[in-house]
N, C-alpha and C. Protein backbone atom coordinates (compact mmCIF):
# COMPACT_ATOMS: atom_id res chain seq x y z
N MET A 1 -32.42 -25.95 -4.38
CA MET A 1 -32.71 -26.86 -3.31
C MET A 1 -32.79 -28.29 -3.83
N GLU A 2 -33.33 -28.45 -5.04
CA GLU A 2 -33.41 -29.79 -5.61
C GLU A 2 -32.02 -30.33 -5.94
N GLY A 3 -31.11 -29.50 -6.26
CA GLY A 3 -29.74 -29.91 -6.55
C GLY A 3 -29.06 -30.48 -5.32
N LYS A 4 -29.34 -29.89 -4.15
CA LYS A 4 -28.76 -30.40 -2.92
C LYS A 4 -29.31 -31.78 -2.58
N LYS A 5 -30.63 -31.99 -2.83
CA LYS A 5 -31.23 -33.29 -2.55
C LYS A 5 -30.63 -34.37 -3.43
N LYS A 6 -30.39 -34.03 -4.72
CA LYS A 6 -29.79 -35.01 -5.62
C LYS A 6 -28.37 -35.35 -5.17
N LYS A 7 -27.60 -34.31 -4.76
CA LYS A 7 -26.25 -34.57 -4.27
C LYS A 7 -26.31 -35.39 -2.98
N ARG A 8 -27.29 -35.05 -2.16
CA ARG A 8 -27.43 -35.76 -0.89
C ARG A 8 -27.80 -37.23 -1.14
N LYS A 9 -28.68 -37.49 -2.11
CA LYS A 9 -29.06 -38.87 -2.45
C LYS A 9 -27.83 -39.64 -2.94
N LYS A 10 -27.01 -39.02 -3.78
CA LYS A 10 -25.82 -39.70 -4.27
C LYS A 10 -24.88 -40.00 -3.12
N ARG A 11 -24.75 -39.05 -2.21
CA ARG A 11 -23.88 -39.24 -1.07
C ARG A 11 -24.39 -40.37 -0.18
N ARG A 12 -25.70 -40.48 -0.03
CA ARG A 12 -26.27 -41.51 0.82
C ARG A 12 -26.08 -42.91 0.24
N LEU A 13 -25.98 -43.00 -1.04
CA LEU A 13 -25.83 -44.32 -1.67
C LEU A 13 -24.37 -44.68 -1.94
N SER A 14 -23.44 -43.89 -1.40
CA SER A 14 -22.04 -44.19 -1.63
C SER A 14 -21.62 -45.41 -0.80
N PHE A 15 -20.54 -46.00 -1.23
CA PHE A 15 -20.02 -47.20 -0.58
C PHE A 15 -19.63 -46.91 0.86
N TRP A 16 -18.94 -45.80 1.10
CA TRP A 16 -18.47 -45.48 2.45
C TRP A 16 -19.63 -45.11 3.37
N TYR A 17 -20.68 -44.55 2.82
CA TYR A 17 -21.85 -44.21 3.64
C TYR A 17 -22.51 -45.49 4.15
N ILE A 18 -22.63 -46.48 3.29
CA ILE A 18 -23.24 -47.76 3.69
C ILE A 18 -22.30 -48.51 4.63
N LEU A 19 -21.01 -48.57 4.29
CA LEU A 19 -20.04 -49.29 5.11
C LEU A 19 -19.83 -48.63 6.46
N GLY A 20 -19.92 -47.34 6.52
CA GLY A 20 -19.73 -46.62 7.77
C GLY A 20 -20.91 -46.72 8.72
N GLY A 21 -22.03 -47.22 8.27
CA GLY A 21 -23.18 -47.40 9.14
C GLY A 21 -24.16 -46.25 9.07
N GLY A 22 -23.92 -45.29 8.21
CA GLY A 22 -24.83 -44.16 8.09
C GLY A 22 -26.20 -44.56 7.59
N VAL A 23 -26.25 -45.65 6.82
CA VAL A 23 -27.52 -46.11 6.28
C VAL A 23 -28.43 -46.61 7.40
N LEU A 24 -27.85 -47.04 8.53
CA LEU A 24 -28.66 -47.54 9.64
C LEU A 24 -29.40 -46.42 10.37
N LYS A 25 -29.00 -45.17 10.11
CA LYS A 25 -29.68 -44.03 10.72
C LYS A 25 -30.86 -43.56 9.88
N GLU A 26 -31.06 -44.17 8.74
CA GLU A 26 -32.17 -43.78 7.88
C GLU A 26 -33.50 -44.10 8.54
N ASP A 27 -34.51 -43.38 8.15
CA ASP A 27 -35.84 -43.53 8.73
C ASP A 27 -36.41 -44.94 8.48
N PHE A 28 -36.17 -45.50 7.31
CA PHE A 28 -36.68 -46.84 6.99
C PHE A 28 -36.15 -47.88 7.98
N PHE A 29 -34.84 -47.84 8.23
CA PHE A 29 -34.23 -48.83 9.13
C PHE A 29 -34.67 -48.62 10.57
N ILE A 30 -34.83 -47.40 10.98
CA ILE A 30 -35.26 -47.12 12.35
C ILE A 30 -36.68 -47.64 12.57
N ARG A 31 -37.56 -47.45 11.57
CA ARG A 31 -38.94 -47.90 11.71
C ARG A 31 -39.06 -49.42 11.67
N HIS A 32 -38.20 -50.08 10.95
CA HIS A 32 -38.33 -51.53 10.75
C HIS A 32 -37.23 -52.34 11.45
N ILE A 33 -36.62 -51.78 12.47
CA ILE A 33 -35.51 -52.47 13.13
C ILE A 33 -35.95 -53.80 13.75
N LYS A 34 -37.16 -53.86 14.31
CA LYS A 34 -37.62 -55.12 14.91
C LYS A 34 -37.77 -56.21 13.86
N MET A 35 -38.34 -55.85 12.72
CA MET A 35 -38.52 -56.84 11.65
C MET A 35 -37.17 -57.29 11.10
N ILE A 36 -36.24 -56.37 10.97
CA ILE A 36 -34.91 -56.71 10.45
C ILE A 36 -34.20 -57.66 11.43
N LEU A 37 -34.27 -57.36 12.72
CA LEU A 37 -33.67 -58.25 13.72
C LEU A 37 -34.32 -59.62 13.72
N LEU A 38 -35.65 -59.67 13.57
CA LEU A 38 -36.35 -60.95 13.50
C LEU A 38 -35.88 -61.77 12.31
N VAL A 39 -35.74 -61.13 11.16
CA VAL A 39 -35.28 -61.83 9.96
C VAL A 39 -33.85 -62.34 10.16
N VAL A 40 -32.99 -61.54 10.78
CA VAL A 40 -31.60 -61.97 11.01
C VAL A 40 -31.57 -63.16 11.96
N VAL A 41 -32.33 -63.11 13.04
CA VAL A 41 -32.36 -64.21 14.02
C VAL A 41 -32.91 -65.47 13.37
N LEU A 42 -33.99 -65.34 12.60
CA LEU A 42 -34.55 -66.51 11.92
C LEU A 42 -33.58 -67.09 10.90
N THR A 43 -32.85 -66.23 10.21
CA THR A 43 -31.86 -66.70 9.24
C THR A 43 -30.77 -67.53 9.94
N PHE A 44 -30.26 -67.01 11.06
CA PHE A 44 -29.27 -67.77 11.81
C PHE A 44 -29.85 -69.09 12.33
N GLY A 45 -31.10 -69.06 12.76
CA GLY A 45 -31.76 -70.28 13.23
C GLY A 45 -31.88 -71.31 12.13
N PHE A 46 -32.29 -70.89 10.93
CA PHE A 46 -32.42 -71.81 9.81
C PHE A 46 -31.07 -72.38 9.39
N ILE A 47 -30.05 -71.55 9.38
CA ILE A 47 -28.71 -72.03 9.01
C ILE A 47 -28.22 -73.05 10.04
N SER A 48 -28.42 -72.76 11.31
CA SER A 48 -28.02 -73.69 12.36
C SER A 48 -28.77 -75.01 12.26
N ASN A 49 -30.07 -74.93 12.00
CA ASN A 49 -30.89 -76.14 11.87
C ASN A 49 -30.43 -76.98 10.68
N ARG A 50 -30.14 -76.34 9.57
CA ARG A 50 -29.67 -77.08 8.38
C ARG A 50 -28.34 -77.76 8.67
N TYR A 51 -27.44 -77.06 9.34
CA TYR A 51 -26.14 -77.63 9.67
C TYR A 51 -26.29 -78.85 10.57
N SER A 52 -27.14 -78.75 11.59
CA SER A 52 -27.32 -79.90 12.49
C SER A 52 -27.99 -81.06 11.77
N CYS A 53 -28.90 -80.77 10.86
CA CYS A 53 -29.54 -81.84 10.07
C CYS A 53 -28.52 -82.54 9.17
N ILE A 54 -27.64 -81.79 8.57
CA ILE A 54 -26.61 -82.39 7.71
C ILE A 54 -25.71 -83.30 8.54
N LEU A 55 -25.33 -82.87 9.74
CA LEU A 55 -24.50 -83.72 10.60
C LEU A 55 -25.23 -84.99 11.00
N LYS A 56 -26.52 -84.88 11.30
CA LYS A 56 -27.28 -86.07 11.68
C LYS A 56 -27.45 -87.02 10.50
N ILE A 57 -27.64 -86.50 9.30
CA ILE A 57 -27.76 -87.35 8.11
C ILE A 57 -26.45 -88.09 7.86
N LYS A 58 -25.32 -87.41 8.03
CA LYS A 58 -24.03 -88.08 7.87
C LYS A 58 -23.86 -89.19 8.89
N LYS A 59 -24.27 -88.94 10.13
CA LYS A 59 -24.18 -89.95 11.19
C LYS A 59 -25.07 -91.15 10.86
N ILE A 60 -26.28 -90.88 10.36
CA ILE A 60 -27.21 -91.95 9.98
C ILE A 60 -26.61 -92.78 8.86
N ASP A 61 -26.00 -92.14 7.87
CA ASP A 61 -25.39 -92.87 6.76
C ASP A 61 -24.25 -93.77 7.24
N SER A 62 -23.41 -93.24 8.13
CA SER A 62 -22.30 -94.06 8.61
C SER A 62 -22.81 -95.23 9.45
N LEU A 63 -23.84 -95.00 10.25
CA LEU A 63 -24.42 -96.10 11.04
C LEU A 63 -25.10 -97.14 10.13
N GLN A 64 -25.71 -96.68 9.05
CA GLN A 64 -26.35 -97.60 8.11
C GLN A 64 -25.30 -98.49 7.44
N LYS A 65 -24.16 -97.91 7.06
CA LYS A 65 -23.09 -98.70 6.46
C LYS A 65 -22.55 -99.72 7.46
N GLU A 66 -22.38 -99.27 8.71
CA GLU A 66 -21.89 -100.19 9.74
C GLU A 66 -22.88 -101.32 9.98
N LEU A 67 -24.17 -101.01 9.98
CA LEU A 67 -25.20 -102.03 10.15
C LEU A 67 -25.15 -103.05 9.02
N ASN A 68 -24.99 -102.59 7.78
CA ASN A 68 -24.90 -103.51 6.64
C ASN A 68 -23.69 -104.43 6.78
N GLU A 69 -22.55 -103.88 7.22
CA GLU A 69 -21.36 -104.70 7.40
C GLU A 69 -21.58 -105.76 8.48
N VAL A 70 -22.20 -105.38 9.57
CA VAL A 70 -22.46 -106.33 10.65
C VAL A 70 -23.45 -107.40 10.21
N GLN A 71 -24.46 -107.03 9.44
CA GLN A 71 -25.42 -108.01 8.95
C GLN A 71 -24.75 -109.01 8.01
N LEU A 72 -23.86 -108.52 7.14
CA LEU A 72 -23.14 -109.43 6.25
C LEU A 72 -22.23 -110.37 7.04
N GLU A 73 -21.59 -109.84 8.07
CA GLU A 73 -20.73 -110.69 8.90
C GLU A 73 -21.55 -111.74 9.64
N ALA A 74 -22.72 -111.36 10.15
CA ALA A 74 -23.59 -112.32 10.84
C ALA A 74 -24.07 -113.40 9.87
N LEU A 75 -24.38 -113.01 8.65
CA LEU A 75 -24.81 -113.98 7.64
C LEU A 75 -23.69 -114.97 7.33
N ALA A 76 -22.47 -114.45 7.20
CA ALA A 76 -21.32 -115.33 6.91
C ALA A 76 -21.09 -116.31 8.06
N ILE A 77 -21.22 -115.84 9.28
CA ILE A 77 -21.03 -116.71 10.44
C ILE A 77 -22.12 -117.77 10.51
N SER A 78 -23.37 -117.40 10.22
CA SER A 78 -24.46 -118.39 10.28
C SER A 78 -24.31 -119.43 9.17
N VAL A 79 -23.81 -119.03 8.01
CA VAL A 79 -23.56 -120.00 6.94
C VAL A 79 -22.45 -120.96 7.35
N GLU A 80 -21.40 -120.43 7.96
CA GLU A 80 -20.31 -121.27 8.42
C GLU A 80 -20.78 -122.24 9.51
N LEU A 81 -21.60 -121.75 10.43
CA LEU A 81 -22.14 -122.60 11.49
C LEU A 81 -23.05 -123.69 10.91
N ALA A 82 -23.85 -123.33 9.91
CA ALA A 82 -24.71 -124.33 9.28
C ALA A 82 -23.87 -125.42 8.61
N GLY A 83 -22.74 -125.02 8.05
CA GLY A 83 -21.84 -126.01 7.43
C GLY A 83 -21.24 -126.94 8.46
N TYR A 84 -20.87 -126.41 9.63
CA TYR A 84 -20.29 -127.24 10.68
C TYR A 84 -21.32 -128.15 11.35
N SER A 85 -22.57 -127.79 11.30
CA SER A 85 -23.59 -128.60 12.01
C SER A 85 -24.18 -129.71 11.15
N ARG A 86 -23.74 -129.85 9.92
CA ARG A 86 -24.20 -130.98 9.11
C ARG A 86 -23.67 -132.28 9.71
N PRO A 87 -24.47 -133.34 9.67
CA PRO A 87 -24.02 -134.60 10.28
C PRO A 87 -22.71 -135.12 9.70
N SER A 88 -22.51 -134.99 8.42
CA SER A 88 -21.27 -135.50 7.83
C SER A 88 -20.06 -134.70 8.33
N MET A 89 -20.23 -133.40 8.50
CA MET A 89 -19.13 -132.55 8.99
C MET A 89 -18.85 -132.85 10.45
N VAL A 90 -19.91 -133.12 11.22
CA VAL A 90 -19.73 -133.46 12.64
C VAL A 90 -18.95 -134.77 12.75
N GLU A 91 -19.30 -135.76 11.96
CA GLU A 91 -18.58 -137.03 12.00
C GLU A 91 -17.12 -136.84 11.62
N GLU A 92 -16.86 -136.02 10.63
CA GLU A 92 -15.49 -135.77 10.20
C GLU A 92 -14.68 -135.08 11.30
N LEU A 93 -15.29 -134.10 11.98
CA LEU A 93 -14.60 -133.41 13.08
C LEU A 93 -14.33 -134.35 14.25
N VAL A 94 -15.27 -135.26 14.52
CA VAL A 94 -15.08 -136.23 15.60
C VAL A 94 -13.91 -137.16 15.27
N LYS A 95 -13.82 -137.59 14.03
CA LYS A 95 -12.71 -138.47 13.63
C LYS A 95 -11.38 -137.72 13.69
N LYS A 96 -11.34 -136.44 13.29
CA LYS A 96 -10.09 -135.68 13.32
C LYS A 96 -9.59 -135.49 14.75
N GLN A 97 -10.52 -135.36 15.69
CA GLN A 97 -10.15 -135.11 17.08
C GLN A 97 -9.93 -136.42 17.85
N HIS A 98 -10.09 -137.53 17.19
CA HIS A 98 -9.88 -138.85 17.78
C HIS A 98 -10.76 -139.07 19.01
N ILE A 99 -12.01 -138.73 18.89
CA ILE A 99 -12.99 -138.95 19.96
C ILE A 99 -13.71 -140.26 19.63
N ASN A 100 -13.86 -141.10 20.62
CA ASN A 100 -14.48 -142.41 20.40
C ASN A 100 -16.00 -142.30 20.46
N LEU A 101 -16.58 -141.77 19.44
CA LEU A 101 -18.03 -141.70 19.31
C LEU A 101 -18.42 -142.33 17.99
N GLU A 102 -19.58 -142.96 17.99
CA GLU A 102 -20.07 -143.57 16.76
C GLU A 102 -21.49 -143.11 16.53
N GLY A 103 -21.90 -143.16 15.29
CA GLY A 103 -23.28 -142.81 14.95
C GLY A 103 -24.23 -143.90 15.38
N ALA A 104 -25.48 -143.57 15.56
CA ALA A 104 -26.47 -144.56 16.00
C ALA A 104 -26.72 -145.55 14.88
N ASN A 105 -26.83 -146.84 15.25
CA ASN A 105 -27.11 -147.88 14.27
C ASN A 105 -28.61 -148.03 14.05
N ARG A 106 -29.38 -147.78 15.11
CA ARG A 106 -30.83 -147.90 15.02
C ARG A 106 -31.44 -146.51 14.90
N PRO A 107 -32.50 -146.38 14.17
CA PRO A 107 -33.15 -145.07 14.07
C PRO A 107 -33.86 -144.73 15.38
N PRO A 108 -34.05 -143.46 15.67
CA PRO A 108 -34.76 -143.08 16.91
C PRO A 108 -36.22 -143.50 16.85
N TYR A 109 -36.83 -143.72 18.00
CA TYR A 109 -38.23 -144.07 18.04
C TYR A 109 -38.91 -143.23 19.11
N GLU A 110 -40.24 -143.13 19.01
CA GLU A 110 -41.04 -142.31 19.93
C GLU A 110 -41.71 -143.20 20.95
N LEU A 111 -41.83 -142.68 22.15
CA LEU A 111 -42.55 -143.38 23.20
C LEU A 111 -43.95 -142.79 23.28
N HIS A 112 -44.94 -143.66 23.32
CA HIS A 112 -46.33 -143.20 23.42
C HIS A 112 -46.87 -143.59 24.78
N ARG A 113 -47.80 -142.87 25.28
CA ARG A 113 -48.44 -143.18 26.56
C ARG A 113 -49.48 -144.22 26.41
């Protein structure tokens, strides 16, 4: 009788027995089917969560790069605008455009009450 059990154990652990689904009929799997299903569902949930987090991190990185590019462009534009707003540059642009404007000869003064 012990010889049959040993042969039966070997048969139960064979590749085709596991692949064919015979292992799912074992007492251990039948008793713990709820726990096994819970672990499988949680595993899929964790994998899905990780995948969505990776996608969001990639999106954040691309938006961060775009933000840096826009900030550099805004800085370049403000530097260019500061250059154009200097009084000497304004006078030069007025002369190039042949506009009849002249600078003030007298300094500005304040009116007091």
